[in-house]
Amino acid sequence: MKPFLLAAPLLLLAACGTPDPAKTLTPAQKLAIVDHIDTTDQRVAQMDKLLQSLSGKFKEPQDTIAEYTSRAEDVLREKGVVTDNLEILGNMDGLKADAAAMSTYKDAITMYLMIRTK
């Protein structure tokens, strides 16, 4: 009986635990980690601004935009194109707002990939 009483508080603490660090990172910080950039680097703030802008243009969550951007970087790297997430975000943010409103970010980034890999 005593081992259970001693283990119960430990189990309770383990169940509550600390939050998963990956879940507490912003989408910009996650992209920075993928690009091997320190999460306190000034480029993270630039990525955050671009994600906010793109989220407004495409009416999609920043997490979704970050995910598709990261996947696009992977595809470009596999095709031998040297780039990073910040560059891709900047290029995508250059789209006119009305063009962005006519498509999803997924469609737009797919078109971007087709252009960059020709």
PDB file of N, CA and C in Angstrom:
ATOM      1  N   MET A   1       0.818  -1.185   0.000  1.00  0.00           N
ATOM      2  CA  MET A   1       0.000   0.000   0.000  1.00  0.00           C
ATOM      3  C   MET A   1       0.866   1.254   0.000  1.00  0.00           C
ATOM      4  N   LYS A   2       1.937   1.253   0.801  1.00  0.00           N
ATOM      5  CA  LYS A   2       2.782   2.433   0.868  1.00  0.00           C
ATOM      6  C   LYS A   2       3.438   2.763  -0.473  1.00  0.00           C
ATOM      7  N   PRO A   3       3.929   1.776  -1.277  1.00  0.00           N
ATOM      8  CA  PRO A   3       4.533   2.130  -2.566  1.00  0.00           C
ATOM      9  C   PRO A   3       3.550   2.867  -3.463  1.00  0.00           C
ATOM     10  N   PHE A   4       2.270   2.475  -3.402  1.00  0.00           N
ATOM     11  CA  PHE A   4       1.267   3.151  -4.216  1.00  0.00           C
ATOM     12  C   PHE A   4       1.103   4.598  -3.768  1.00  0.00           C
ATOM     13  N   LEU A   5       1.061   4.814  -2.456  1.00  0.00           N
ATOM     14  CA  LEU A   5       0.900   6.172  -1.930  1.00  0.00           C
ATOM     15  C   LEU A   5       2.079   7.054  -2.318  1.00  0.00           C
ATOM     16  N   LEU A   6       3.256   6.482  -2.364  1.00  0.00           N
ATOM     17  CA  LEU A   6       4.431   7.252  -2.760  1.00  0.00           C
ATOM     18  C   LEU A   6       4.438   7.507  -4.275  1.00  0.00           C
ATOM     19  N   ALA A   7       3.955   6.545  -5.030  1.00  0.00           N
ATOM     20  CA  ALA A   7       3.989   6.670  -6.491  1.00  0.00           C
ATOM     21  C   ALA A   7       2.866   7.545  -7.021  1.00  0.00           C
ATOM     22  N   ALA A   8       1.756   7.627  -6.322  1.00  0.00           N
ATOM     23  CA  ALA A   8       0.602   8.391  -6.804  1.00  0.00           C
ATOM     24  C   ALA A   8       0.938   9.848  -7.100  1.00  0.00           C
ATOM     25  N   PRO A   9       1.619  10.568  -6.200  1.00  0.00           N
ATOM     26  CA  PRO A   9       1.949  11.964  -6.525  1.00  0.00           C
ATOM     27  C   PRO A   9       2.879  12.074  -7.739  1.00  0.00           C
ATOM     28  N   LEU A  10       3.791  11.124  -7.867  1.00  0.00           N
ATOM     29  CA  LEU A  10       4.697  11.139  -9.018  1.00  0.00           C
ATOM     30  C   LEU A  10       3.939  10.898 -10.317  1.00  0.00           C
ATOM     31  N   LEU A  11       2.986   9.971 -10.275  1.00  0.00           N
ATOM     32  CA  LEU A  11       2.175   9.714 -11.467  1.00  0.00           C
ATOM     33  C   LEU A  11       1.325  10.925 -11.819  1.00  0.00           C
ATOM     34  N   LEU A  12       0.799  11.582 -10.815  1.00  0.00           N
ATOM     35  CA  LEU A  12      -0.005  12.773 -11.046  1.00  0.00           C
ATOM     36  C   LEU A  12       0.839  13.879 -11.685  1.00  0.00           C
ATOM     37  N   LEU A  13       2.039  14.060 -11.168  1.00  0.00           N
ATOM     38  CA  LEU A  13       2.937  15.060 -11.743  1.00  0.00           C
ATOM     39  C   LEU A  13       3.309  14.711 -13.180  1.00  0.00           C
ATOM     40  N   ALA A  14       3.556  13.456 -13.428  1.00  0.00           N
ATOM     41  CA  ALA A  14       3.922  13.024 -14.781  1.00  0.00           C
ATOM     42  C   ALA A  14       2.754  13.220 -15.741  1.00  0.00           C
ATOM     43  N   ALA A  15       1.558  12.982 -15.259  1.00  0.00           N
ATOM     44  CA  ALA A  15       0.375  13.151 -16.110  1.00  0.00           C
ATOM     45  C   ALA A  15       0.184  14.618 -16.475  1.00  0.00           C
ATOM     46  N   CYS A  16       0.414  15.504 -15.513  1.00  0.00           N
ATOM     47  CA  CYS A  16       0.283  16.936 -15.789  1.00  0.00           C
ATOM     48  C   CYS A  16       1.458  17.398 -16.622  1.00  0.00           C
ATOM     49  N   GLY A  17       2.632  16.979 -16.212  1.00  0.00           N
ATOM     50  CA  GLY A  17       3.851  17.247 -16.964  1.00  0.00           C
ATOM     51  C   GLY A  17       4.035  18.677 -17.425  1.00  0.00           C
ATOM     52  N   THR A  18       5.071  18.851 -18.188  1.00  0.00           N
ATOM     53  CA  THR A  18       5.330  20.152 -18.785  1.00  0.00           C
ATOM     54  C   THR A  18       4.853  20.117 -20.225  1.00  0.00           C
ATOM     55  N   PRO A  19       4.461  21.254 -20.765  1.00  0.00           N
ATOM     56  CA  PRO A  19       3.977  21.261 -22.146  1.00  0.00           C
ATOM     57  C   PRO A  19       5.078  20.870 -23.120  1.00  0.00           C
ATOM     58  N   ASP A  20       4.674  20.228 -24.189  1.00  0.00           N
ATOM     59  CA  ASP A  20       5.604  19.839 -25.241  1.00  0.00           C
ATOM     60  C   ASP A  20       6.190  21.111 -25.844  1.00  0.00           C
ATOM     61  N   PRO A  21       7.534  21.279 -25.847  1.00  0.00           N
ATOM     62  CA  PRO A  21       8.134  22.497 -26.368  1.00  0.00           C
ATOM     63  C   PRO A  21       7.751  22.779 -27.812  1.00  0.00           C
ATOM     64  N   ALA A  22       7.570  21.741 -28.615  1.00  0.00           N
ATOM     65  CA  ALA A  22       7.208  21.947 -30.016  1.00  0.00           C
ATOM     66  C   ALA A  22       5.831  22.589 -30.144  1.00  0.00           C
ATOM     67  N   LYS A  23       4.962  22.351 -29.170  1.00  0.00           N
ATOM     68  CA  LYS A  23       3.618  22.920 -29.223  1.00  0.00           C
ATOM     69  C   LYS A  23       3.598  24.371 -28.761  1.00  0.00           C
ATOM     70  N   THR A  24       4.638  24.818 -28.071  1.00  0.00           N
ATOM     71  CA  THR A  24       4.675  26.188 -27.584  1.00  0.00           C
ATOM     72  C   THR A  24       5.430  27.115 -28.528  1.00  0.00           C
ATOM     73  N   LEU A  25       6.060  26.572 -29.546  1.00  0.00           N
ATOM     74  CA  LEU A  25       6.785  27.393 -30.513  1.00  0.00           C
ATOM     75  C   LEU A  25       5.820  28.026 -31.505  1.00  0.00           C
ATOM     76  N   THR A  26       6.136  29.216 -31.941  1.00  0.00           N
ATOM     77  CA  THR A  26       5.338  29.865 -32.971  1.00  0.00           C
ATOM     78  C   THR A  26       5.662  29.229 -34.320  1.00  0.00           C
ATOM     79  N   PRO A  27       4.803  29.405 -35.317  1.00  0.00           N
ATOM     80  CA  PRO A  27       5.120  28.879 -36.648  1.00  0.00           C
ATOM     81  C   PRO A  27       6.449  29.428 -37.185  1.00  0.00           C
ATOM     82  N   ALA A  28       6.744  30.688 -36.911  1.00  0.00           N
ATOM     83  CA  ALA A  28       8.015  31.280 -37.375  1.00  0.00           C
ATOM     84  C   ALA A  28       9.201  30.607 -36.689  1.00  0.00           C
ATOM     85  N   GLN A  29       9.081  30.314 -35.411  1.00  0.00           N
ATOM     86  CA  GLN A  29      10.167  29.638 -34.701  1.00  0.00           C
ATOM     87  C   GLN A  29      10.374  28.224 -35.222  1.00  0.00           C
ATOM     88  N   LYS A  30       9.285  27.540 -35.549  1.00  0.00           N
ATOM     89  CA  LYS A  30       9.401  26.189 -36.112  1.00  0.00           C
ATOM     90  C   LYS A  30      10.141  26.226 -37.446  1.00  0.00           C
ATOM     91  N   LEU A  31       9.813  27.211 -38.286  1.00  0.00           N
ATOM     92  CA  LEU A  31      10.517  27.347 -39.570  1.00  0.00           C
ATOM     93  C   LEU A  31      11.987  27.679 -39.344  1.00  0.00           C
ATOM     94  N   ALA A  32      12.265  28.493 -38.350  1.00  0.00           N
ATOM     95  CA  ALA A  32      13.653  28.843 -38.039  1.00  0.00           C
ATOM     96  C   ALA A  32      14.448  27.596 -37.662  1.00  0.00           C
ATOM     97  N   ILE A  33      13.851  26.735 -36.872  1.00  0.00           N
ATOM     98  CA  ILE A  33      14.531  25.507 -36.462  1.00  0.00           C
ATOM     99  C   ILE A  33      14.832  24.640 -37.675  1.00  0.00           C
ATOM    100  N   VAL A  34      13.872  24.544 -38.597  1.00  0.00           N
ATOM    101  CA  VAL A  34      14.085  23.767 -39.824  1.00  0.00           C
ATOM    102  C   VAL A  34      15.268  24.333 -40.611  1.00  0.00           C
ATOM    103  N   ASP A  35      15.386  25.661 -40.603  1.00  0.00           N
ATOM    104  CA  ASP A  35      16.472  26.323 -41.335  1.00  0.00           C
ATOM    105  C   ASP A  35      17.744  26.476 -40.509  1.00  0.00           C
ATOM    106  N   HIS A  36      17.786  25.836 -39.354  1.00  0.00           N
ATOM    107  CA  HIS A  36      18.955  25.885 -38.462  1.00  0.00           C
ATOM    108  C   HIS A  36      19.282  27.316 -38.045  1.00  0.00           C
ATOM    109  N   ILE A  37      18.234  28.077 -37.720  1.00  0.00           N
ATOM    110  CA  ILE A  37      18.375  29.448 -37.243  1.00  0.00           C
ATOM    111  C   ILE A  37      17.938  29.467 -35.786  1.00  0.00           C
ATOM    112  N   ASP A  38      18.680  30.167 -34.949  1.00  0.00           N
ATOM    113  CA  ASP A  38      18.310  30.306 -33.549  1.00  0.00           C
ATOM    114  C   ASP A  38      16.949  30.998 -33.455  1.00  0.00           C
ATOM    115  N   THR A  39      16.107  30.525 -32.572  1.00  0.00           N
ATOM    116  CA  THR A  39      14.744  31.055 -32.478  1.00  0.00           C
ATOM    117  C   THR A  39      14.698  32.499 -31.973  1.00  0.00           C
ATOM    118  N   THR A  40      15.825  33.026 -31.502  1.00  0.00           N
ATOM    119  CA  THR A  40      15.869  34.423 -31.072  1.00  0.00           C
ATOM    120  C   THR A  40      16.462  35.330 -32.150  1.00  0.00           C
ATOM    121  N   ASP A  41      16.843  34.778 -33.282  1.00  0.00           N
ATOM    122  CA  ASP A  41      17.428  35.546 -34.381  1.00  0.00           C
ATOM    123  C   ASP A  41      16.400  36.523 -34.949  1.00  0.00           C
ATOM    124  N   GLN A  42      16.872  37.655 -35.444  1.00  0.00           N
ATOM    125  CA  GLN A  42      15.968  38.674 -36.002  1.00  0.00           C
ATOM    126  C   GLN A  42      15.200  38.171 -37.222  1.00  0.00           C
ATOM    127  N   ARG A  43      15.726  37.161 -37.902  1.00  0.00           N
ATOM    128  CA  ARG A  43      15.029  36.605 -39.066  1.00  0.00           C
ATOM    129  C   ARG A  43      13.711  35.936 -38.668  1.00  0.00           C
ATOM    130  N   VAL A  44      13.615  35.501 -37.421  1.00  0.00           N
ATOM    131  CA  VAL A  44      12.367  34.902 -36.939  1.00  0.00           C
ATOM    132  C   VAL A  44      11.267  35.959 -36.913  1.00  0.00           C
ATOM    133  N   ALA A  45      11.607  37.165 -36.508  1.00  0.00           N
ATOM    134  CA  ALA A  45      10.629  38.256 -36.506  1.00  0.00           C
ATOM    135  C   ALA A  45      10.182  38.574 -37.935  1.00  0.00           C
ATOM    136  N   GLN A  46      11.126  38.514 -38.883  1.00  0.00           N
ATOM    137  CA  GLN A  46      10.765  38.735 -40.287  1.00  0.00           C
ATOM    138  C   GLN A  46       9.814  37.649 -40.774  1.00  0.00           C
ATOM    139  N   MET A  47      10.118  36.396 -40.434  1.00  0.00           N
ATOM    140  CA  MET A  47       9.239  35.292 -40.824  1.00  0.00           C
ATOM    141  C   MET A  47       7.857  35.455 -40.197  1.00  0.00           C
ATOM    142  N   ASP A  48       7.829  35.901 -38.947  1.00  0.00           N
ATOM    143  CA  ASP A  48       6.551  36.087 -38.270  1.00  0.00           C
ATOM    144  C   ASP A  48       5.710  37.142 -38.990  1.00  0.00           C
ATOM    145  N   LYS A  49       6.318  38.247 -39.382  1.00  0.00           N
ATOM    146  CA  LYS A  49       5.587  39.293 -40.111  1.00  0.00           C
ATOM    147  C   LYS A  49       5.075  38.779 -41.444  1.00  0.00           C
ATOM    148  N   LEU A  50       5.917  38.016 -42.141  1.00  0.00           N
ATOM    149  CA  LEU A  50       5.496  37.464 -43.431  1.00  0.00           C
ATOM    150  C   LEU A  50       4.360  36.457 -43.253  1.00  0.00           C
ATOM    151  N   LEU A  51       4.438  35.627 -42.230  1.00  0.00           N
ATOM    152  CA  LEU A  51       3.370  34.674 -41.963  1.00  0.00           C
ATOM    153  C   LEU A  51       2.065  35.394 -41.643  1.00  0.00           C
ATOM    154  N   GLN A  52       2.152  36.468 -40.886  1.00  0.00           N
ATOM    155  CA  GLN A  52       0.948  37.251 -40.580  1.00  0.00           C
ATOM    156  C   GLN A  52       0.348  37.831 -41.857  1.00  0.00           C
ATOM    157  N   SER A  53       1.209  38.373 -42.702  1.00  0.00           N
ATOM    158  CA  SER A  53       0.750  38.967 -43.954  1.00  0.00           C
ATOM    159  C   SER A  53       0.107  37.914 -44.852  1.00  0.00           C
ATOM    160  N   LEU A  54       0.777  36.780 -45.002  1.00  0.00           N
ATOM    161  CA  LEU A  54       0.258  35.708 -45.860  1.00  0.00           C
ATOM    162  C   LEU A  54      -1.035  35.129 -45.291  1.00  0.00           C
ATOM    163  N   SER A  55      -1.115  35.026 -43.974  1.00  0.00           N
ATOM    164  CA  SER A  55      -2.329  34.521 -43.347  1.00  0.00           C
ATOM    165  C   SER A  55      -3.509  35.442 -43.659  1.00  0.00           C
ATOM    166  N   GLY A  56      -3.255  36.728 -43.663  1.00  0.00           N
ATOM    167  CA  GLY A  56      -4.300  37.687 -44.007  1.00  0.00           C
ATOM    168  C   GLY A  56      -4.685  37.620 -45.478  1.00  0.00           C
ATOM    169  N   LYS A  57      -3.695  37.472 -46.351  1.00  0.00           N
ATOM    170  CA  LYS A  57      -3.964  37.424 -47.795  1.00  0.00           C
ATOM    171  C   LYS A  57      -4.730  36.169 -48.196  1.00  0.00           C
ATOM    172  N   PHE A  58      -4.306  35.033 -47.649  1.00  0.00           N
ATOM    173  CA  PHE A  58      -4.896  33.759 -48.057  1.00  0.00           C
ATOM    174  C   PHE A  58      -6.018  33.294 -47.135  1.00  0.00           C
ATOM    175  N   LYS A  59      -6.226  34.004 -46.039  1.00  0.00           N
ATOM    176  CA  LYS A  59      -7.271  33.640 -45.073  1.00  0.00           C
ATOM    177  C   LYS A  59      -7.073  32.217 -44.552  1.00  0.00           C
ATOM    178  N   GLU A  60      -5.806  31.891 -44.279  1.00  0.00           N
ATOM    179  CA  GLU A  60      -5.458  30.566 -43.751  1.00  0.00           C
ATOM    180  C   GLU A  60      -4.602  30.745 -42.508  1.00  0.00           C
ATOM    181  N   PRO A  61      -4.601  29.763 -41.601  1.00  0.00           N
ATOM    182  CA  PRO A  61      -3.803  29.867 -40.374  1.00  0.00           C
ATOM    183  C   PRO A  61      -2.302  29.880 -40.680  1.00  0.00           C
ATOM    184  N   GLN A  62      -1.566  30.558 -39.834  1.00  0.00           N
ATOM    185  CA  GLN A  62      -0.114  30.622 -40.001  1.00  0.00           C
ATOM    186  C   GLN A  62       0.529  29.237 -39.963  1.00  0.00           C
ATOM    187  N   ASP A  63      -0.014  28.343 -39.137  1.00  0.00           N
ATOM    188  CA  ASP A  63       0.537  26.976 -39.065  1.00  0.00           C
ATOM    189  C   ASP A  63       0.445  26.279 -40.420  1.00  0.00           C
ATOM    190  N   THR A  64      -0.661  26.458 -41.101  1.00  0.00           N
ATOM    191  CA  THR A  64      -0.855  25.840 -42.422  1.00  0.00           C
ATOM    192  C   THR A  64       0.131  26.418 -43.421  1.00  0.00           C
ATOM    193  N   ILE A  65       0.281  27.724 -43.413  1.00  0.00           N
ATOM    194  CA  ILE A  65       1.208  28.379 -44.335  1.00  0.00           C
ATOM    195  C   ILE A  65       2.636  27.939 -44.048  1.00  0.00           C
ATOM    196  N   ALA A  66       2.997  27.864 -42.782  1.00  0.00           N
ATOM    197  CA  ALA A  66       4.346  27.428 -42.409  1.00  0.00           C
ATOM    198  C   ALA A  66       4.600  25.991 -42.860  1.00  0.00           C
ATOM    199  N   GLU A  67       3.611  25.123 -42.678  1.00  0.00           N
ATOM    200  CA  GLU A  67       3.759  23.713 -43.068  1.00  0.00           C
ATOM    201  C   GLU A  67       3.992  23.579 -44.574  1.00  0.00           C
ATOM    202  N   TYR A  68       3.165  24.249 -45.378  1.00  0.00           N
ATOM    203  CA  TYR A  68       3.327  24.167 -46.832  1.00  0.00           C
ATOM    204  C   TYR A  68       4.630  24.816 -47.295  1.00  0.00           C
ATOM    205  N   THR A  69       5.043  25.861 -46.615  1.00  0.00           N
ATOM    206  CA  THR A  69       6.305  26.520 -46.962  1.00  0.00           C
ATOM    207  C   THR A  69       7.478  25.586 -46.693  1.00  0.00           C
ATOM    208  N   SER A  70       7.448  24.920 -45.554  1.00  0.00           N
ATOM    209  CA  SER A  70       8.513  23.987 -45.207  1.00  0.00           C
ATOM    210  C   SER A  70       8.569  22.825 -46.202  1.00  0.00           C
ATOM    211  N   ARG A  71       7.417  22.318 -46.586  1.00  0.00           N
ATOM    212  CA  ARG A  71       7.370  21.237 -47.582  1.00  0.00           C
ATOM    213  C   ARG A  71       7.926  21.715 -48.921  1.00  0.00           C
ATOM    214  N   ALA A  72       7.604  22.955 -49.292  1.00  0.00           N
ATOM    215  CA  ALA A  72       8.113  23.509 -50.549  1.00  0.00           C
ATOM    216  C   ALA A  72       9.637  23.620 -50.514  1.00  0.00           C
ATOM    217  N   GLU A  73      10.170  24.026 -49.362  1.00  0.00           N
ATOM    218  CA  GLU A  73      11.624  24.115 -49.234  1.00  0.00           C
ATOM    219  C   GLU A  73      12.259  22.740 -49.425  1.00  0.00           C
ATOM    220  N   ASP A  74      11.643  21.713 -48.860  1.00  0.00           N
ATOM    221  CA  ASP A  74      12.153  20.347 -49.020  1.00  0.00           C
ATOM    222  C   ASP A  74      12.184  19.944 -50.496  1.00  0.00           C
ATOM    223  N   VAL A  75      11.104  20.223 -51.205  1.00  0.00           N
ATOM    224  CA  VAL A  75      11.018  19.873 -52.627  1.00  0.00           C
ATOM    225  C   VAL A  75      12.093  20.615 -53.412  1.00  0.00           C
ATOM    226  N   LEU A  76      12.230  21.901 -53.150  1.00  0.00           N
ATOM    227  CA  LEU A  76      13.233  22.695 -53.865  1.00  0.00           C
ATOM    228  C   LEU A  76      14.644  22.188 -53.585  1.00  0.00           C
ATOM    229  N   ARG A  77      14.923  21.854 -52.338  1.00  0.00           N
ATOM    230  CA  ARG A  77      16.247  21.335 -51.979  1.00  0.00           C
ATOM    231  C   ARG A  77      16.521  20.026 -52.718  1.00  0.00           C
ATOM    232  N   GLU A  78      15.501  19.148 -52.781  1.00  0.00           N
ATOM    233  CA  GLU A  78      15.658  17.882 -53.506  1.00  0.00           C
ATOM    234  C   GLU A  78      15.941  18.112 -54.987  1.00  0.00           C
ATOM    235  N   LYS A  79      15.422  19.206 -55.536  1.00  0.00           N
ATOM    236  CA  LYS A  79      15.623  19.534 -56.955  1.00  0.00           C
ATOM    237  C   LYS A  79      16.900  20.339 -57.173  1.00  0.00           C
ATOM    238  N   GLY A  80      17.651  20.584 -56.095  1.00  0.00           N
ATOM    239  CA  GLY A  80      18.915  21.296 -56.216  1.00  0.00           C
ATOM    240  C   GLY A  80      18.800  22.813 -56.151  1.00  0.00           C
ATOM    241  N   VAL A  81      17.648  23.318 -55.769  1.00  0.00           N
ATOM    242  CA  VAL A  81      17.452  24.765 -55.653  1.00  0.00           C
ATOM    243  C   VAL A  81      17.817  25.186 -54.226  1.00  0.00           C
ATOM    244  N   VAL A  82      18.777  26.093 -54.115  1.00  0.00           N
ATOM    245  CA  VAL A  82      19.213  26.564 -52.799  1.00  0.00           C
ATOM    246  C   VAL A  82      18.317  27.727 -52.372  1.00  0.00           C
ATOM    247  N   THR A  83      17.618  27.533 -51.271  1.00  0.00           N
ATOM    248  CA  THR A  83      16.708  28.552 -50.743  1.00  0.00           C
ATOM    249  C   THR A  83      16.474  28.284 -49.277  1.00  0.00           C
ATOM    250  N   ASP A  84      15.692  29.126 -48.637  1.00  0.00           N
ATOM    251  CA  ASP A  84      15.280  28.880 -47.261  1.00  0.00           C
ATOM    252  C   ASP A  84      13.847  29.363 -47.085  1.00  0.00           C
ATOM    253  N   ASN A  85      13.290  29.082 -45.935  1.00  0.00           N
ATOM    254  CA  ASN A  85      11.891  29.430 -45.687  1.00  0.00           C
ATOM    255  C   ASN A  85      11.640  30.931 -45.734  1.00  0.00           C
ATOM    256  N   LEU A  86      12.589  31.723 -45.252  1.00  0.00           N
ATOM    257  CA  LEU A  86      12.421  33.173 -45.266  1.00  0.00           C
ATOM    258  C   LEU A  86      12.311  33.686 -46.703  1.00  0.00           C
ATOM    259  N   GLU A  87      13.154  33.184 -47.579  1.00  0.00           N
ATOM    260  CA  GLU A  87      13.101  33.602 -48.983  1.00  0.00           C
ATOM    261  C   GLU A  87      11.767  33.203 -49.628  1.00  0.00           C
ATOM    262  N   ILE A  88      11.336  31.985 -49.369  1.00  0.00           N
ATOM    263  CA  ILE A  88      10.065  31.517 -49.947  1.00  0.00           C
ATOM    264  C   ILE A  88       8.907  32.375 -49.440  1.00  0.00           C
ATOM    265  N   LEU A  89       8.873  32.632 -48.134  1.00  0.00           N
ATOM    266  CA  LEU A  89       7.811  33.463 -47.576  1.00  0.00           C
ATOM    267  C   LEU A  89       7.809  34.851 -48.209  1.00  0.00           C
ATOM    268  N   GLY A  90       9.001  35.418 -48.382  1.00  0.00           N
ATOM    269  CA  GLY A  90       9.107  36.737 -48.993  1.00  0.00           C
ATOM    270  C   GLY A  90       8.605  36.738 -50.427  1.00  0.00           C
ATOM    271  N   ASN A  91       8.960  35.698 -51.172  1.00  0.00           N
ATOM    272  CA  ASN A  91       8.491  35.599 -52.554  1.00  0.00           C
ATOM    273  C   ASN A  91       6.976  35.432 -52.611  1.00  0.00           C
ATOM    274  N   MET A  92       6.448  34.602 -51.743  1.00  0.00           N
ATOM    275  CA  MET A  92       5.005  34.385 -51.729  1.00  0.00           C
ATOM    276  C   MET A  92       4.255  35.639 -51.280  1.00  0.00           C
ATOM    277  N   ASP A  93       4.849  36.397 -50.387  1.00  0.00           N
ATOM    278  CA  ASP A  93       4.198  37.615 -49.920  1.00  0.00           C
ATOM    279  C   ASP A  93       4.161  38.685 -51.012  1.00  0.00           C
ATOM    280  N   GLY A  94       5.011  38.524 -52.021  1.00  0.00           N
ATOM    281  CA  GLY A  94       5.026  39.461 -53.135  1.00  0.00           C
ATOM    282  C   GLY A  94       3.814  39.341 -54.045  1.00  0.00           C
ATOM    283  N   LEU A  95       3.027  38.288 -53.869  1.00  0.00           N
ATOM    284  CA  LEU A  95       1.813  38.134 -54.675  1.00  0.00           C
ATOM    285  C   LEU A  95       0.826  39.248 -54.351  1.00  0.00           C
ATOM    286  N   LYS A  96       0.145  39.690 -55.331  1.00  0.00           N
ATOM    287  CA  LYS A  96      -0.890  40.708 -55.117  1.00  0.00           C
ATOM    288  C   LYS A  96      -2.016  40.086 -54.289  1.00  0.00           C
ATOM    289  N   ALA A  97      -2.624  40.887 -53.446  1.00  0.00           N
ATOM    290  CA  ALA A  97      -3.682  40.404 -52.556  1.00  0.00           C
ATOM    291  C   ALA A  97      -4.853  39.815 -53.334  1.00  0.00           C
ATOM    292  N   ASP A  98      -5.193  40.401 -54.476  1.00  0.00           N
ATOM    293  CA  ASP A  98      -6.336  39.872 -55.230  1.00  0.00           C
ATOM    294  C   ASP A  98      -6.006  38.510 -55.842  1.00  0.00           C
ATOM    295  N   ALA A  99      -4.751  38.298 -56.233  1.00  0.00           N
ATOM    296  CA  ALA A  99      -4.346  36.985 -56.758  1.00  0.00           C
ATOM    297  C   ALA A  99      -4.392  35.943 -55.640  1.00  0.00           C
ATOM    298  N   ALA A 100      -3.972  36.330 -54.450  1.00  0.00           N
ATOM    299  CA  ALA A 100      -3.993  35.417 -53.309  1.00  0.00           C
ATOM    300  C   ALA A 100      -5.426  35.058 -52.926  1.00  0.00           C
ATOM    301  N   ALA A 101      -6.329  36.011 -53.048  1.00  0.00           N
ATOM    302  CA  ALA A 101      -7.718  35.773 -52.665  1.00  0.00           C
ATOM    303  C   ALA A 101      -8.407  34.770 -53.587  1.00  0.00           C
ATOM    304  N   MET A 102      -7.860  34.587 -54.788  1.00  0.00           N
ATOM    305  CA  MET A 102      -8.479  33.676 -55.749  1.00  0.00           C
ATOM    306  C   MET A 102      -8.007  32.242 -55.603  1.00  0.00           C
ATOM    307  N   SER A 103      -7.068  31.970 -54.690  1.00  0.00           N
ATOM    308  CA  SER A 103      -6.569  30.602 -54.547  1.00  0.00           C
ATOM    309  C   SER A 103      -6.213  30.324 -53.087  1.00  0.00           C
ATOM    310  N   THR A 104      -5.929  29.065 -52.829  1.00  0.00           N
ATOM    311  CA  THR A 104      -5.445  28.686 -51.502  1.00  0.00           C
ATOM    312  C   THR A 104      -3.931  28.819 -51.489  1.00  0.00           C
ATOM    313  N   TYR A 105      -3.366  28.846 -50.306  1.00  0.00           N
ATOM    314  CA  TYR A 105      -1.911  28.908 -50.210  1.00  0.00           C
ATOM    315  C   TYR A 105      -1.286  27.655 -50.824  1.00  0.00           C
ATOM    316  N   LYS A 106      -1.942  26.530 -50.630  1.00  0.00           N
ATOM    317  CA  LYS A 106      -1.444  25.277 -51.200  1.00  0.00           C
ATOM    318  C   LYS A 106      -1.350  25.377 -52.720  1.00  0.00           C
ATOM    319  N   ASP A 107      -2.380  25.928 -53.355  1.00  0.00           N
ATOM    320  CA  ASP A 107      -2.356  26.095 -54.809  1.00  0.00           C
ATOM    321  C   ASP A 107      -1.264  27.068 -55.235  1.00  0.00           C
ATOM    322  N   ALA A 108      -1.142  28.166 -54.493  1.00  0.00           N
ATOM    323  CA  ALA A 108      -0.151  29.183 -54.845  1.00  0.00           C
ATOM    324  C   ALA A 108       1.272  28.664 -54.683  1.00  0.00           C
ATOM    325  N   ILE A 109       1.542  27.928 -53.608  1.00  0.00           N
ATOM    326  CA  ILE A 109       2.894  27.415 -53.393  1.00  0.00           C
ATOM    327  C   ILE A 109       3.219  26.318 -54.404  1.00  0.00           C
ATOM    328  N   THR A 110       2.209  25.574 -54.844  1.00  0.00           N
ATOM    329  CA  THR A 110       2.418  24.564 -55.882  1.00  0.00           C
ATOM    330  C   THR A 110       2.827  25.238 -57.185  1.00  0.00           C
ATOM    331  N   MET A 111       2.163  26.323 -57.525  1.00  0.00           N
ATOM    332  CA  MET A 111       2.516  27.078 -58.720  1.00  0.00           C
ATOM    333  C   MET A 111       3.934  27.640 -58.591  1.00  0.00           C
ATOM    334  N   TYR A 112       4.251  28.135 -57.419  1.00  0.00           N
ATOM    335  CA  TYR A 112       5.589  28.658 -57.133  1.00  0.00           C
ATOM    336  C   TYR A 112       6.651  27.584 -57.366  1.00  0.00           C
ATOM    337  N   LEU A 113       6.370  26.374 -56.874  1.00  0.00           N
ATOM    338  CA  LEU A 113       7.307  25.260 -57.067  1.00  0.00           C
ATOM    339  C   LEU A 113       7.498  24.953 -58.551  1.00  0.00           C
ATOM    340  N   MET A 114       6.426  24.975 -59.288  1.00  0.00           N
ATOM    341  CA  MET A 114       6.532  24.687 -60.726  1.00  0.00           C
ATOM    342  C   MET A 114       7.412  25.723 -61.422  1.00  0.00           C
ATOM    343  N   ILE A 115       7.281  26.972 -61.030  1.00  0.00           N
ATOM    344  CA  ILE A 115       8.089  28.032 -61.633  1.00  0.00           C
ATOM    345  C   ILE A 115       9.548  27.908 -61.222  1.00  0.00           C
ATOM    346  N   ARG A 116       9.791  27.649 -59.943  1.00  0.00           N
ATOM    347  CA  ARG A 116      11.173  27.591 -59.425  1.00  0.00           C
ATOM    348  C   ARG A 116      11.941  26.357 -59.893  1.00  0.00           C
ATOM    349  N   THR A 117      11.241  25.302 -60.281  1.00  0.00           N
ATOM    350  CA  THR A 117      11.944  24.064 -60.658  1.00  0.00           C
ATOM    351  C   THR A 117      12.023  23.855 -62.166  1.00  0.00           C
ATOM    352  N   LYS A 118      11.602  24.833 -62.939  1.00  0.00           N
ATOM    353  CA  LYS A 118      11.699  24.689 -64.401  1.00  0.00           C
ATOM    354  C   LYS A 118      13.112  24.777 -64.858  1.00  0.00           C
TER     355      LYS A 118
END
